[in-house]
């Protein structure tokens, strides 16, 4: 990035955010996207993830900058290998599960929960612990947020290194793959599936460059609809555009009016900060989406990684996408869907 574009385009951003959502095996697209960002010299200081995005976020935040792409590639190669072994060893897996249940009954212990996920939760736990340094995640070099759903209350929950000491349990609670057992933290059961733009809206105002990387973009309902990420981006735009307009109006008020206590309270809600969102979407909703999310084959993972790298490269070389938004706007959104750019919003 530093070689290809004037430094001032990045220098104006106080915060560089990376938001990663779910999608199972489609998460390899996010890993490739980050590798391209790292190659361009762009290192996020605010990282959020949910579902498989929480695992990618942990791998990024839990390693030294020059090791992150390597660790991501190592994880996805090993994950693909273990899923292939697991799917090819059906009889052995059933035998081991039966032996575990028999041992639990003999000892009077609770029966283990049957998991039908692509990889067992214990295996995923060991693999993440092998590749992620949680002391680094909690060192606050970058803000890290994992999003999850509390199954006991139905509430969205965000595990944040600004307020929590993040552990492997928080990653697993946010990233539980389909078929995995829920993860219990402080007596509450959690599962992934929440997008993570919400905390960014509540963060202190700052000029922000935000990469939202979605493995897929589901359009619910027979007639289609608007995805969760799109709704959150729309809400973000409304809030930040309003703050921007309040700030502009405040500039035009006479000094005497600005001193009025009530007006001062209103103007305090304004902000000159802007946000540029580059949203990358790998897959749309189609009949094969669930099969794609479960395809951890080496060829599929490599193809998605390369697509992520390519889409980031296209975004960063676009002549207008890093330009400041018009002065009346708090947020401008650029989108690349399946490698095709949409009109800016």
C-alpha atoms as a PDB file:
ATOM      1  CA  UNK A   1       0.000   0.000   0.000  1.00  0.00           C
ATOM      2  CA  UNK A   2       2.785   2.396   0.917  1.00  0.00           C
ATOM      3  CA  UNK A   3       4.453   1.693  -2.410  1.00  0.00           C
ATOM      4  CA  UNK A   4       1.329   1.978  -4.539  1.00  0.00           C
ATOM      5  CA  UNK A   5      -0.479   5.024  -3.117  1.00  0.00           C
ATOM      6  CA  UNK A   6       0.347   8.364  -1.478  1.00  0.00           C
ATOM      7  CA  UNK A   7       0.915   7.983   2.272  1.00  0.00           C
ATOM      8  CA  UNK A   8      -1.652  10.667   3.094  1.00  0.00           C
ATOM      9  CA  UNK A   9      -4.505   8.347   2.104  1.00  0.00           C
ATOM     10  CA  UNK A  10      -3.758   6.037   5.033  1.00  0.00           C
ATOM     11  CA  UNK A  11      -2.329   8.662   7.358  1.00  0.00           C
ATOM     12  CA  UNK A  12      -5.726  10.333   7.748  1.00  0.00           C
ATOM     13  CA  UNK A  13      -7.215   7.243   9.451  1.00  0.00           C
ATOM     14  CA  UNK A  14      -6.942   7.031  13.246  1.00  0.00           C
ATOM     15  CA  UNK A  15      -8.540   3.588  13.319  1.00  0.00           C
ATOM     16  CA  UNK A  16      -8.234   0.687  10.884  1.00  0.00           C
ATOM     17  CA  UNK A  17     -10.885  -1.907  11.646  1.00  0.00           C
ATOM     18  CA  UNK A  18     -11.327  -5.453  10.394  1.00  0.00           C
ATOM     19  CA  UNK A  19     -14.717  -7.137  10.858  1.00  0.00           C
ATOM     20  CA  UNK A  20     -14.973 -10.858  10.038  1.00  0.00           C
ATOM     21  CA  UNK A  21     -18.241 -12.818   9.994  1.00  0.00           C
ATOM     22  CA  UNK A  22     -19.172 -16.492   9.638  1.00  0.00           C
ATOM     23  CA  UNK A  23     -19.393 -18.989   6.829  1.00  0.00           C
ATOM     24  CA  UNK A  24     -17.585 -22.166   7.896  1.00  0.00           C
ATOM     25  CA  UNK A  25     -15.140 -23.182   5.173  1.00  0.00           C
ATOM     26  CA  UNK A  26     -15.767 -19.841   3.426  1.00  0.00           C
ATOM     27  CA  UNK A  27     -13.625 -18.305   6.171  1.00  0.00           C
ATOM     28  CA  UNK A  28     -10.582 -19.102   4.020  1.00  0.00           C
ATOM     29  CA  UNK A  29     -11.637 -16.082   1.934  1.00  0.00           C
ATOM     30  CA  UNK A  30     -11.184 -13.863   5.004  1.00  0.00           C
ATOM     31  CA  UNK A  31      -7.728 -15.326   5.618  1.00  0.00           C
ATOM     32  CA  UNK A  32      -6.656 -14.536   2.059  1.00  0.00           C
ATOM     33  CA  UNK A  33      -8.086 -11.036   2.373  1.00  0.00           C
ATOM     34  CA  UNK A  34      -6.037 -10.403   5.506  1.00  0.00           C
ATOM     35  CA  UNK A  35      -2.887 -11.777   3.852  1.00  0.00           C
ATOM     36  CA  UNK A  36      -3.328  -9.172   1.097  1.00  0.00           C
ATOM     37  CA  UNK A  37      -3.808  -6.399   3.685  1.00  0.00           C
ATOM     38  CA  UNK A  38      -0.644  -7.470   5.481  1.00  0.00           C
ATOM     39  CA  UNK A  39       1.272  -7.558   2.209  1.00  0.00           C
ATOM     40  CA  UNK A  40       0.095  -3.996   1.540  1.00  0.00           C
ATOM     41  CA  UNK A  41       1.301  -2.849   4.959  1.00  0.00           C
ATOM     42  CA  UNK A  42      -2.190  -2.344   6.391  1.00  0.00           C
ATOM     43  CA  UNK A  43      -2.412  -3.584   9.979  1.00  0.00           C
ATOM     44  CA  UNK A  44      -5.770  -3.242  11.769  1.00  0.00           C
ATOM     45  CA  UNK A  45      -5.816  -1.858  15.307  1.00  0.00           C
ATOM     46  CA  UNK A  46      -9.467  -2.871  15.876  1.00  0.00           C
ATOM     47  CA  UNK A  47     -10.399  -6.500  15.061  1.00  0.00           C
ATOM     48  CA  UNK A  48     -13.798  -8.143  15.499  1.00  0.00           C
ATOM     49  CA  UNK A  49     -15.000 -11.600  14.567  1.00  0.00           C
ATOM     50  CA  UNK A  50     -17.866 -14.024  15.001  1.00  0.00           C
ATOM     51  CA  UNK A  51     -18.322 -17.677  14.031  1.00  0.00           C
ATOM     52  CA  UNK A  52     -15.336 -18.729  11.873  1.00  0.00           C
ATOM     53  CA  UNK A  53     -14.412 -15.043  11.755  1.00  0.00           C
ATOM     54  CA  UNK A  54     -13.635 -15.219  15.487  1.00  0.00           C
ATOM     55  CA  UNK A  55     -11.015 -17.890  14.809  1.00  0.00           C
ATOM     56  CA  UNK A  56      -9.424 -15.809  12.055  1.00  0.00           C
ATOM     57  CA  UNK A  57      -9.527 -12.748  14.317  1.00  0.00           C
ATOM     58  CA  UNK A  58      -7.781 -14.678  17.117  1.00  0.00           C
ATOM     59  CA  UNK A  59      -5.086 -15.896  14.717  1.00  0.00           C
ATOM     60  CA  UNK A  60      -4.460 -12.325  13.548  1.00  0.00           C
ATOM     61  CA  UNK A  61      -4.509 -10.632  16.956  1.00  0.00           C
ATOM     62  CA  UNK A  62      -2.691 -13.481  18.688  1.00  0.00           C
ATOM     63  CA  UNK A  63       0.474 -13.389  16.589  1.00  0.00           C
ATOM     64  CA  UNK A  64       3.251 -10.974  15.682  1.00  0.00           C
ATOM     65  CA  UNK A  65       2.456  -8.993  12.509  1.00  0.00           C
ATOM     66  CA  UNK A  66       5.074 -10.743  10.374  1.00  0.00           C
ATOM     67  CA  UNK A  67       3.769 -14.188  11.467  1.00  0.00           C
ATOM     68  CA  UNK A  68       0.049 -13.678  10.932  1.00  0.00           C
ATOM     69  CA  UNK A  69      -0.312 -14.720   7.296  1.00  0.00           C
ATOM     70  CA  UNK A  70       1.825 -17.797   7.951  1.00  0.00           C
ATOM     71  CA  UNK A  71      -0.294 -18.783  10.975  1.00  0.00           C
ATOM     72  CA  UNK A  72      -3.517 -18.292   9.012  1.00  0.00           C
ATOM     73  CA  UNK A  73      -2.247 -20.492   6.202  1.00  0.00           C
ATOM     74  CA  UNK A  74      -1.022 -23.071   8.712  1.00  0.00           C
ATOM     75  CA  UNK A  75      -4.425 -23.165  10.408  1.00  0.00           C
ATOM     76  CA  UNK A  76      -6.452 -23.537   7.219  1.00  0.00           C
ATOM     77  CA  UNK A  77      -4.195 -26.245   5.805  1.00  0.00           C
ATOM     78  CA  UNK A  78      -4.339 -28.210   9.052  1.00  0.00           C
ATOM     79  CA  UNK A  79      -8.089 -27.687   9.404  1.00  0.00           C
ATOM     80  CA  UNK A  80      -8.653 -29.024   5.885  1.00  0.00           C
ATOM     81  CA  UNK A  81      -6.431 -32.024   6.613  1.00  0.00           C
ATOM     82  CA  UNK A  82      -8.205 -32.873   9.870  1.00  0.00           C
ATOM     83  CA  UNK A  83     -11.671 -32.495   8.353  1.00  0.00           C
ATOM     84  CA  UNK A  84     -10.651 -34.862   5.548  1.00  0.00           C
ATOM     85  CA  UNK A  85      -9.390 -37.428   8.063  1.00  0.00           C
ATOM     86  CA  UNK A  86     -12.529 -37.078  10.145  1.00  0.00           C
ATOM     87  CA  UNK A  87     -14.877 -37.514   7.198  1.00  0.00           C
ATOM     88  CA  UNK A  88     -12.888 -40.533   6.009  1.00  0.00           C
ATOM     89  CA  UNK A  89     -12.855 -42.256   9.379  1.00  0.00           C
ATOM     90  CA  UNK A  90     -16.555 -42.612  10.073  1.00  0.00           C
ATOM     91  CA  UNK A  91     -16.337 -46.112  11.606  1.00  0.00           C
ATOM     92  CA  UNK A  92     -13.407 -45.252  13.879  1.00  0.00           C
ATOM     93  CA  UNK A  93     -15.103 -42.040  14.986  1.00  0.00           C
ATOM     94  CA  UNK A  94     -18.318 -43.892  15.863  1.00  0.00           C
ATOM     95  CA  UNK A  95     -16.309 -46.535  17.737  1.00  0.00           C
ATOM     96  CA  UNK A  96     -14.441 -43.911  19.792  1.00  0.00           C
ATOM     97  CA  UNK A  97     -17.701 -42.121  20.587  1.00  0.00           C
ATOM     98  CA  UNK A  98     -19.281 -45.392  21.752  1.00  0.00           C
ATOM     99  CA  UNK A  99     -16.298 -46.148  23.985  1.00  0.00           C
ATOM    100  CA  UNK A 100     -16.491 -42.640  25.487  1.00  0.00           C
ATOM    101  CA  UNK A 101     -20.189 -43.098  26.298  1.00  0.00           C
ATOM    102  CA  UNK A 102     -19.566 -46.536  27.826  1.00  0.00           C
ATOM    103  CA  UNK A 103     -16.761 -45.148  30.010  1.00  0.00           C
ATOM    104  CA  UNK A 104     -18.958 -42.250  31.138  1.00  0.00           C
ATOM    105  CA  UNK A 105     -21.789 -44.614  32.136  1.00  0.00           C
ATOM    106  CA  UNK A 106     -19.378 -46.873  34.053  1.00  0.00           C
ATOM    107  CA  UNK A 107     -17.975 -43.878  35.976  1.00  0.00           C
ATOM    108  CA  UNK A 108     -21.400 -42.340  36.551  1.00  0.00           C
ATOM    109  CA  UNK A 109     -20.409 -39.212  34.602  1.00  0.00           C
ATOM    110  CA  UNK A 110     -22.579 -37.098  32.305  1.00  0.00           C
ATOM    111  CA  UNK A 111     -22.713 -38.530  28.800  1.00  0.00           C
ATOM    112  CA  UNK A 112     -20.607 -36.593  26.278  1.00  0.00           C
ATOM    113  CA  UNK A 113     -22.591 -34.481  23.830  1.00  0.00           C
ATOM    114  CA  UNK A 114     -22.659 -35.961  20.341  1.00  0.00           C
ATOM    115  CA  UNK A 115     -21.034 -33.590  17.892  1.00  0.00           C
ATOM    116  CA  UNK A 116     -21.692 -33.708  14.165  1.00  0.00           C
ATOM    117  CA  UNK A 117     -19.425 -30.847  13.184  1.00  0.00           C
ATOM    118  CA  UNK A 118     -16.705 -30.974  10.533  1.00  0.00           C
ATOM    119  CA  UNK A 119     -14.085 -31.040  13.319  1.00  0.00           C
ATOM    120  CA  UNK A 120     -14.486 -31.879  17.001  1.00  0.00           C
ATOM    121  CA  UNK A 121     -14.475 -29.033  19.510  1.00  0.00           C
ATOM    122  CA  UNK A 122     -11.529 -30.597  21.382  1.00  0.00           C
ATOM    123  CA  UNK A 123      -9.511 -30.761  18.163  1.00  0.00           C
ATOM    124  CA  UNK A 124     -10.395 -27.186  17.264  1.00  0.00           C
ATOM    125  CA  UNK A 125      -9.443 -26.061  20.783  1.00  0.00           C
ATOM    126  CA  UNK A 126      -6.018 -27.744  20.552  1.00  0.00           C
ATOM    127  CA  UNK A 127      -5.361 -26.338  17.082  1.00  0.00           C
ATOM    128  CA  UNK A 128      -6.181 -22.765  18.121  1.00  0.00           C
ATOM    129  CA  UNK A 129      -4.120 -23.025  21.321  1.00  0.00           C
ATOM    130  CA  UNK A 130      -1.165 -24.242  19.263  1.00  0.00           C
ATOM    131  CA  UNK A 131      -1.277 -21.202  16.966  1.00  0.00           C
ATOM    132  CA  UNK A 132      -2.602 -18.322  19.112  1.00  0.00           C
ATOM    133  CA  UNK A 133      -0.867 -16.377  21.881  1.00  0.00           C
ATOM    134  CA  UNK A 134      -3.642 -15.142  24.185  1.00  0.00           C
ATOM    135  CA  UNK A 135      -1.251 -12.974  26.177  1.00  0.00           C
ATOM    136  CA  UNK A 136      -0.718 -10.996  22.982  1.00  0.00           C
ATOM    137  CA  UNK A 137      -4.497 -10.723  22.410  1.00  0.00           C
ATOM    138  CA  UNK A 138      -4.931  -9.333  25.917  1.00  0.00           C
ATOM    139  CA  UNK A 139      -1.953  -6.985  25.705  1.00  0.00           C
ATOM    140  CA  UNK A 140      -4.242  -4.342  24.120  1.00  0.00           C
ATOM    141  CA  UNK A 141      -1.949  -3.740  21.129  1.00  0.00           C
ATOM    142  CA  UNK A 142      -5.218  -3.956  19.201  1.00  0.00           C
ATOM    143  CA  UNK A 143      -8.851  -3.848  20.295  1.00  0.00           C
ATOM    144  CA  UNK A 144     -10.288  -7.365  19.908  1.00  0.00           C
ATOM    145  CA  UNK A 145     -13.996  -8.256  20.024  1.00  0.00           C
ATOM    146  CA  UNK A 146     -15.647 -11.678  19.662  1.00  0.00           C
ATOM    147  CA  UNK A 147     -19.408 -11.791  19.062  1.00  0.00           C
ATOM    148  CA  UNK A 148     -21.649 -14.617  20.302  1.00  0.00           C
ATOM    149  CA  UNK A 149     -25.264 -15.440  21.117  1.00  0.00           C
ATOM    150  CA  UNK A 150     -26.264 -16.296  24.674  1.00  0.00           C
ATOM    151  CA  UNK A 151     -28.476 -19.359  24.215  1.00  0.00           C
ATOM    152  CA  UNK A 152     -30.012 -19.016  27.687  1.00  0.00           C
ATOM    153  CA  UNK A 153     -31.178 -15.416  27.243  1.00  0.00           C
ATOM    154  CA  UNK A 154     -31.125 -14.985  23.464  1.00  0.00           C
ATOM    155  CA  UNK A 155     -29.052 -11.819  23.914  1.00  0.00           C
ATOM    156  CA  UNK A 156     -26.161 -10.778  21.733  1.00  0.00           C
ATOM    157  CA  UNK A 157     -22.906 -10.776  23.681  1.00  0.00           C
ATOM    158  CA  UNK A 158     -19.550  -9.216  22.838  1.00  0.00           C
ATOM    159  CA  UNK A 159     -16.383 -10.454  24.531  1.00  0.00           C
ATOM    160  CA  UNK A 160     -14.016  -7.500  24.393  1.00  0.00           C
ATOM    161  CA  UNK A 161     -10.361  -7.377  25.483  1.00  0.00           C
ATOM    162  CA  UNK A 162     -11.085  -3.869  26.736  1.00  0.00           C
ATOM    163  CA  UNK A 163     -13.394  -5.370  29.394  1.00  0.00           C
ATOM    164  CA  UNK A 164     -12.616  -9.109  29.506  1.00  0.00           C
ATOM    165  CA  UNK A 165      -9.560 -11.316  29.801  1.00  0.00           C
ATOM    166  CA  UNK A 166     -10.068 -13.246  26.575  1.00  0.00           C
ATOM    167  CA  UNK A 167      -9.373 -16.996  26.539  1.00  0.00           C
ATOM    168  CA  UNK A 168      -9.801 -19.948  24.217  1.00  0.00           C
ATOM    169  CA  UNK A 169     -13.310 -20.400  25.656  1.00  0.00           C
ATOM    170  CA  UNK A 170     -14.363 -16.977  24.353  1.00  0.00           C
ATOM    171  CA  UNK A 171     -13.104 -17.857  20.871  1.00  0.00           C
ATOM    172  CA  UNK A 172     -14.919 -21.197  20.891  1.00  0.00           C
ATOM    173  CA  UNK A 173     -18.093 -19.601  22.279  1.00  0.00           C
ATOM    174  CA  UNK A 174     -18.059 -17.201  19.350  1.00  0.00           C
ATOM    175  CA  UNK A 175     -16.980 -19.687  16.708  1.00  0.00           C
ATOM    176  CA  UNK A 176     -18.856 -22.914  17.446  1.00  0.00           C
ATOM    177  CA  UNK A 177     -19.250 -24.557  14.029  1.00  0.00           C
ATOM    178  CA  UNK A 178     -22.565 -26.150  12.985  1.00  0.00           C
ATOM    179  CA  UNK A 179     -22.973 -29.395  14.880  1.00  0.00           C
ATOM    180  CA  UNK A 180     -20.682 -28.381  17.751  1.00  0.00           C
ATOM    181  CA  UNK A 181     -21.885 -28.319  21.326  1.00  0.00           C
ATOM    182  CA  UNK A 182     -22.438 -24.860  22.869  1.00  0.00           C
ATOM    183  CA  UNK A 183     -19.662 -23.451  25.054  1.00  0.00           C
ATOM    184  CA  UNK A 184     -20.402 -22.570  28.686  1.00  0.00           C
ATOM    185  CA  UNK A 185     -18.874 -19.453  30.256  1.00  0.00           C
ATOM    186  CA  UNK A 186     -19.838 -18.384  33.786  1.00  0.00           C
ATOM    187  CA  UNK A 187     -22.798 -20.764  33.711  1.00  0.00           C
ATOM    188  CA  UNK A 188     -24.221 -19.399  30.444  1.00  0.00           C
ATOM    189  CA  UNK A 189     -24.266 -21.278  27.128  1.00  0.00           C
ATOM    190  CA  UNK A 190     -22.997 -19.518  24.010  1.00  0.00           C
ATOM    191  CA  UNK A 191     -22.858 -20.144  20.293  1.00  0.00           C
ATOM    192  CA  UNK A 192     -21.497 -17.994  17.450  1.00  0.00           C
ATOM    193  CA  UNK A 193     -23.507 -16.261  14.754  1.00  0.00           C
ATOM    194  CA  UNK A 194     -23.546 -12.575  15.714  1.00  0.00           C
ATOM    195  CA  UNK A 195     -21.972 -10.009  13.418  1.00  0.00           C
ATOM    196  CA  UNK A 196     -19.629  -7.591  15.134  1.00  0.00           C
ATOM    197  CA  UNK A 197     -20.229  -4.095  13.765  1.00  0.00           C
ATOM    198  CA  UNK A 198     -22.249  -3.054  16.819  1.00  0.00           C
ATOM    199  CA  UNK A 199     -19.290  -2.299  19.130  1.00  0.00           C
ATOM    200  CA  UNK A 200     -17.676  -0.223  16.378  1.00  0.00           C
ATOM    201  CA  UNK A 201     -20.723   2.046  16.366  1.00  0.00           C
ATOM    202  CA  UNK A 202     -20.321   2.587  20.122  1.00  0.00           C
ATOM    203  CA  UNK A 203     -16.585   3.256  19.973  1.00  0.00           C
ATOM    204  CA  UNK A 204     -15.199   6.751  20.426  1.00  0.00           C
ATOM    205  CA  UNK A 205     -15.461   8.847  17.227  1.00  0.00           C
ATOM    206  CA  UNK A 206     -12.353   8.551  15.055  1.00  0.00           C
ATOM    207  CA  UNK A 207     -11.585   8.681  11.348  1.00  0.00           C
ATOM    208  CA  UNK A 208     -11.932   5.011  10.480  1.00  0.00           C
ATOM    209  CA  UNK A 209     -11.121   2.718   7.578  1.00  0.00           C
ATOM    210  CA  UNK A 210     -13.187  -0.444   8.085  1.00  0.00           C
ATOM    211  CA  UNK A 211     -12.850  -3.675   6.108  1.00  0.00           C
ATOM    212  CA  UNK A 212     -15.971  -5.842   6.468  1.00  0.00           C
ATOM    213  CA  UNK A 213     -15.160  -9.279   5.048  1.00  0.00           C
ATOM    214  CA  UNK A 214     -18.128 -11.630   4.654  1.00  0.00           C
ATOM    215  CA  UNK A 215     -17.637 -15.198   3.517  1.00  0.00           C
ATOM    216  CA  UNK A 216     -21.236 -15.133   2.345  1.00  0.00           C
ATOM    217  CA  UNK A 217     -24.177 -12.763   2.212  1.00  0.00           C
ATOM    218  CA  UNK A 218     -27.453 -14.540   2.856  1.00  0.00           C
ATOM    219  CA  UNK A 219     -30.680 -12.996   1.619  1.00  0.00           C
ATOM    220  CA  UNK A 220     -33.401 -14.529   3.829  1.00  0.00           C
ATOM    221  CA  UNK A 221     -36.913 -15.259   2.685  1.00  0.00           C
ATOM    222  CA  UNK A 222     -38.446 -16.427  -0.580  1.00  0.00           C
ATOM    223  CA  UNK A 223     -38.392 -12.901  -1.994  1.00  0.00           C
ATOM    224  CA  UNK A 224     -34.869 -12.165  -0.799  1.00  0.00           C
ATOM    225  CA  UNK A 225     -34.039  -9.460   1.698  1.00  0.00           C
ATOM    226  CA  UNK A 226     -31.241  -7.521   3.322  1.00  0.00           C
ATOM    227  CA  UNK A 227     -28.457  -9.387   5.101  1.00  0.00           C
ATOM    228  CA  UNK A 228     -27.476  -8.811   8.708  1.00  0.00           C
ATOM    229  CA  UNK A 229     -24.209  -7.087   7.758  1.00  0.00           C
ATOM    230  CA  UNK A 230     -26.047  -4.778   5.351  1.00  0.00           C
ATOM    231  CA  UNK A 231     -28.549  -3.808   8.077  1.00  0.00           C
ATOM    232  CA  UNK A 232     -25.771  -3.063  10.550  1.00  0.00           C
ATOM    233  CA  UNK A 233     -23.910  -0.966   7.995  1.00  0.00           C
ATOM    234  CA  UNK A 234     -27.117   0.968   7.261  1.00  0.00           C
ATOM    235  CA  UNK A 235     -27.602   1.676  10.988  1.00  0.00           C
ATOM    236  CA  UNK A 236     -23.973   2.746  11.266  1.00  0.00           C
ATOM    237  CA  UNK A 237     -24.453   5.159   8.382  1.00  0.00           C
ATOM    238  CA  UNK A 238     -27.563   6.733   9.900  1.00  0.00           C
ATOM    239  CA  UNK A 239     -25.835   7.352  13.218  1.00  0.00           C
ATOM    240  CA  UNK A 240     -22.597   8.711  11.796  1.00  0.00           C
ATOM    241  CA  UNK A 241     -24.311  10.839   9.137  1.00  0.00           C
ATOM    242  CA  UNK A 242     -26.460  12.407  11.871  1.00  0.00           C
ATOM    243  CA  UNK A 243     -23.398  13.172  14.015  1.00  0.00           C
ATOM    244  CA  UNK A 244     -21.707  14.705  11.004  1.00  0.00           C
ATOM    245  CA  UNK A 245     -24.700  16.948  10.207  1.00  0.00           C
ATOM    246  CA  UNK A 246     -24.923  18.085  13.851  1.00  0.00           C
ATOM    247  CA  UNK A 247     -21.259  19.121  13.673  1.00  0.00           C
ATOM    248  CA  UNK A 248     -21.822  21.031  10.428  1.00  0.00           C
ATOM    249  CA  UNK A 249     -24.855  22.837  11.847  1.00  0.00           C
ATOM    250  CA  UNK A 250     -22.851  23.737  14.944  1.00  0.00           C
ATOM    251  CA  UNK A 251     -20.242  25.446  12.796  1.00  0.00           C
ATOM    252  CA  UNK A 252     -22.931  27.717  11.357  1.00  0.00           C
ATOM    253  CA  UNK A 253     -24.507  28.760  14.654  1.00  0.00           C
ATOM    254  CA  UNK A 254     -23.633  32.161  16.126  1.00  0.00           C
ATOM    255  CA  UNK A 255     -21.237  32.046  19.079  1.00  0.00           C
ATOM    256  CA  UNK A 256     -23.947  33.204  21.463  1.00  0.00           C
ATOM    257  CA  UNK A 257     -26.242  30.296  20.589  1.00  0.00           C
ATOM    258  CA  UNK A 258     -23.420  27.767  20.933  1.00  0.00           C
ATOM    259  CA  UNK A 259     -22.991  28.899  24.540  1.00  0.00           C
ATOM    260  CA  UNK A 260     -26.583  28.027  25.410  1.00  0.00           C
ATOM    261  CA  UNK A 261     -26.477  24.969  27.768  1.00  0.00           C
ATOM    262  CA  UNK A 262     -29.177  23.021  25.913  1.00  0.00           C
ATOM    263  CA  UNK A 263     -27.639  23.693  22.517  1.00  0.00           C
ATOM    264  CA  UNK A 264     -24.215  22.743  23.853  1.00  0.00           C
ATOM    265  CA  UNK A 265     -25.637  19.358  24.916  1.00  0.00           C
ATOM    266  CA  UNK A 266     -27.012  18.819  21.416  1.00  0.00           C
ATOM    267  CA  UNK A 267     -23.769  19.852  19.730  1.00  0.00           C
ATOM    268  CA  UNK A 268     -21.850  17.439  21.975  1.00  0.00           C
ATOM    269  CA  UNK A 269     -23.502  14.629  19.972  1.00  0.00           C
ATOM    270  CA  UNK A 270     -21.864  15.868  16.781  1.00  0.00           C
ATOM    271  CA  UNK A 271     -18.610  14.584  15.332  1.00  0.00           C
ATOM    272  CA  UNK A 272     -16.246  15.500  12.514  1.00  0.00           C
ATOM    273  CA  UNK A 273     -15.023  11.919  12.272  1.00  0.00           C
ATOM    274  CA  UNK A 274     -15.712   9.937   9.100  1.00  0.00           C
ATOM    275  CA  UNK A 275     -15.792   6.248   8.284  1.00  0.00           C
ATOM    276  CA  UNK A 276     -14.887   4.554   5.007  1.00  0.00           C
ATOM    277  CA  UNK A 277     -16.233   1.003   4.782  1.00  0.00           C
ATOM    278  CA  UNK A 278     -14.860  -1.439   2.222  1.00  0.00           C
ATOM    279  CA  UNK A 279     -17.173  -4.451   2.269  1.00  0.00           C
ATOM    280  CA  UNK A 280     -16.039  -7.619   0.532  1.00  0.00           C
ATOM    281  CA  UNK A 281     -18.552 -10.432  -0.058  1.00  0.00           C
ATOM    282  CA  UNK A 282     -17.337 -13.764  -1.419  1.00  0.00           C
ATOM    283  CA  UNK A 283     -20.564 -15.724  -1.954  1.00  0.00           C
ATOM    284  CA  UNK A 284     -24.215 -14.830  -2.377  1.00  0.00           C
ATOM    285  CA  UNK A 285     -27.131 -16.999  -1.329  1.00  0.00           C
ATOM    286  CA  UNK A 286     -27.776 -19.973  -3.613  1.00  0.00           C
ATOM    287  CA  UNK A 287     -28.891 -23.577  -3.381  1.00  0.00           C
ATOM    288  CA  UNK A 288     -25.300 -24.792  -2.951  1.00  0.00           C
ATOM    289  CA  UNK A 289     -24.357 -22.362  -0.162  1.00  0.00           C
ATOM    290  CA  UNK A 290     -24.563 -24.915   2.675  1.00  0.00           C
ATOM    291  CA  UNK A 291     -22.411 -27.363   0.686  1.00  0.00           C
ATOM    292  CA  UNK A 292     -19.824 -24.653   0.023  1.00  0.00           C
ATOM    293  CA  UNK A 293     -19.692 -23.781   3.731  1.00  0.00           C
ATOM    294  CA  UNK A 294     -18.932 -27.440   4.496  1.00  0.00           C
ATOM    295  CA  UNK A 295     -16.334 -27.899   1.714  1.00  0.00           C
ATOM    296  CA  UNK A 296     -12.937 -27.919   3.436  1.00  0.00           C
ATOM    297  CA  UNK A 297     -11.142 -29.568   0.510  1.00  0.00           C
ATOM    298  CA  UNK A 298      -7.673 -28.259  -0.275  1.00  0.00           C
ATOM    299  CA  UNK A 299      -8.692 -27.036  -3.730  1.00  0.00           C
ATOM    300  CA  UNK A 300     -11.716 -25.130  -2.402  1.00  0.00           C
ATOM    301  CA  UNK A 301      -9.773 -23.506   0.450  1.00  0.00           C
ATOM    302  CA  UNK A 302      -6.969 -22.438  -1.900  1.00  0.00           C
ATOM    303  CA  UNK A 303      -9.472 -20.964  -4.364  1.00  0.00           C
ATOM    304  CA  UNK A 304     -11.186 -18.935  -1.634  1.00  0.00           C
ATOM    305  CA  UNK A 305      -7.879 -17.715  -0.190  1.00  0.00           C
ATOM    306  CA  UNK A 306      -6.862 -16.477  -3.642  1.00  0.00           C
ATOM    307  CA  UNK A 307     -10.247 -14.789  -4.132  1.00  0.00           C
ATOM    308  CA  UNK A 308      -9.783 -12.889  -0.858  1.00  0.00           C
ATOM    309  CA  UNK A 309      -6.326 -11.722  -1.918  1.00  0.00           C
ATOM    310  CA  UNK A 310      -7.618 -10.633  -5.317  1.00  0.00           C
ATOM    311  CA  UNK A 311     -10.610  -8.710  -3.938  1.00  0.00           C
ATOM    312  CA  UNK A 312      -8.474  -6.755  -1.464  1.00  0.00           C
ATOM    313  CA  UNK A 313      -6.038  -5.929  -4.254  1.00  0.00           C
ATOM    314  CA  UNK A 314      -8.900  -4.622  -6.412  1.00  0.00           C
ATOM    315  CA  UNK A 315     -10.266  -2.530  -3.535  1.00  0.00           C
ATOM    316  CA  UNK A 316      -6.949  -0.898  -2.649  1.00  0.00           C
ATOM    317  CA  UNK A 317      -6.112   0.078  -6.216  1.00  0.00           C
ATOM    318  CA  UNK A 318      -9.509   1.682  -6.924  1.00  0.00           C
ATOM    319  CA  UNK A 319      -8.772   5.386  -7.533  1.00  0.00           C
ATOM    320  CA  UNK A 320     -11.612   6.762  -5.391  1.00  0.00           C
ATOM    321  CA  UNK A 321     -12.295   4.248  -2.640  1.00  0.00           C
ATOM    322  CA  UNK A 322      -9.901   5.707  -0.069  1.00  0.00           C
ATOM    323  CA  UNK A 323     -10.771   9.319  -0.805  1.00  0.00           C
ATOM    324  CA  UNK A 324     -12.462  11.279   2.030  1.00  0.00           C
ATOM    325  CA  UNK A 325     -16.296  11.153   1.994  1.00  0.00           C
ATOM    326  CA  UNK A 326     -18.239  14.289   1.028  1.00  0.00           C
ATOM    327  CA  UNK A 327     -18.237  16.707   3.944  1.00  0.00           C
ATOM    328  CA  UNK A 328     -21.918  16.181   4.824  1.00  0.00           C
ATOM    329  CA  UNK A 329     -21.523  12.391   5.116  1.00  0.00           C
ATOM    330  CA  UNK A 330     -20.181  10.522   8.094  1.00  0.00           C
ATOM    331  CA  UNK A 331     -19.898   7.182   6.286  1.00  0.00           C
ATOM    332  CA  UNK A 332     -19.257   6.089   2.720  1.00  0.00           C
ATOM    333  CA  UNK A 333     -19.612   2.410   1.730  1.00  0.00           C
ATOM    334  CA  UNK A 334     -17.857   0.658  -1.155  1.00  0.00           C
ATOM    335  CA  UNK A 335     -18.707  -2.944  -1.920  1.00  0.00           C
ATOM    336  CA  UNK A 336     -17.072  -5.728  -3.884  1.00  0.00           C
ATOM    337  CA  UNK A 337     -19.356  -8.744  -4.320  1.00  0.00           C
ATOM    338  CA  UNK A 338     -17.932 -11.827  -5.926  1.00  0.00           C
ATOM    339  CA  UNK A 339     -15.151  -9.708  -7.414  1.00  0.00           C
ATOM    340  CA  UNK A 340     -17.561  -7.155  -8.940  1.00  0.00           C
ATOM    341  CA  UNK A 341     -17.652  -3.604  -7.598  1.00  0.00           C
ATOM    342  CA  UNK A 342     -20.968  -1.935  -6.766  1.00  0.00           C
ATOM    343  CA  UNK A 343     -21.702   1.786  -6.884  1.00  0.00           C
ATOM    344  CA  UNK A 344     -20.554   3.644  -3.730  1.00  0.00           C
ATOM    345  CA  UNK A 345     -23.228   4.396  -1.109  1.00  0.00           C
END
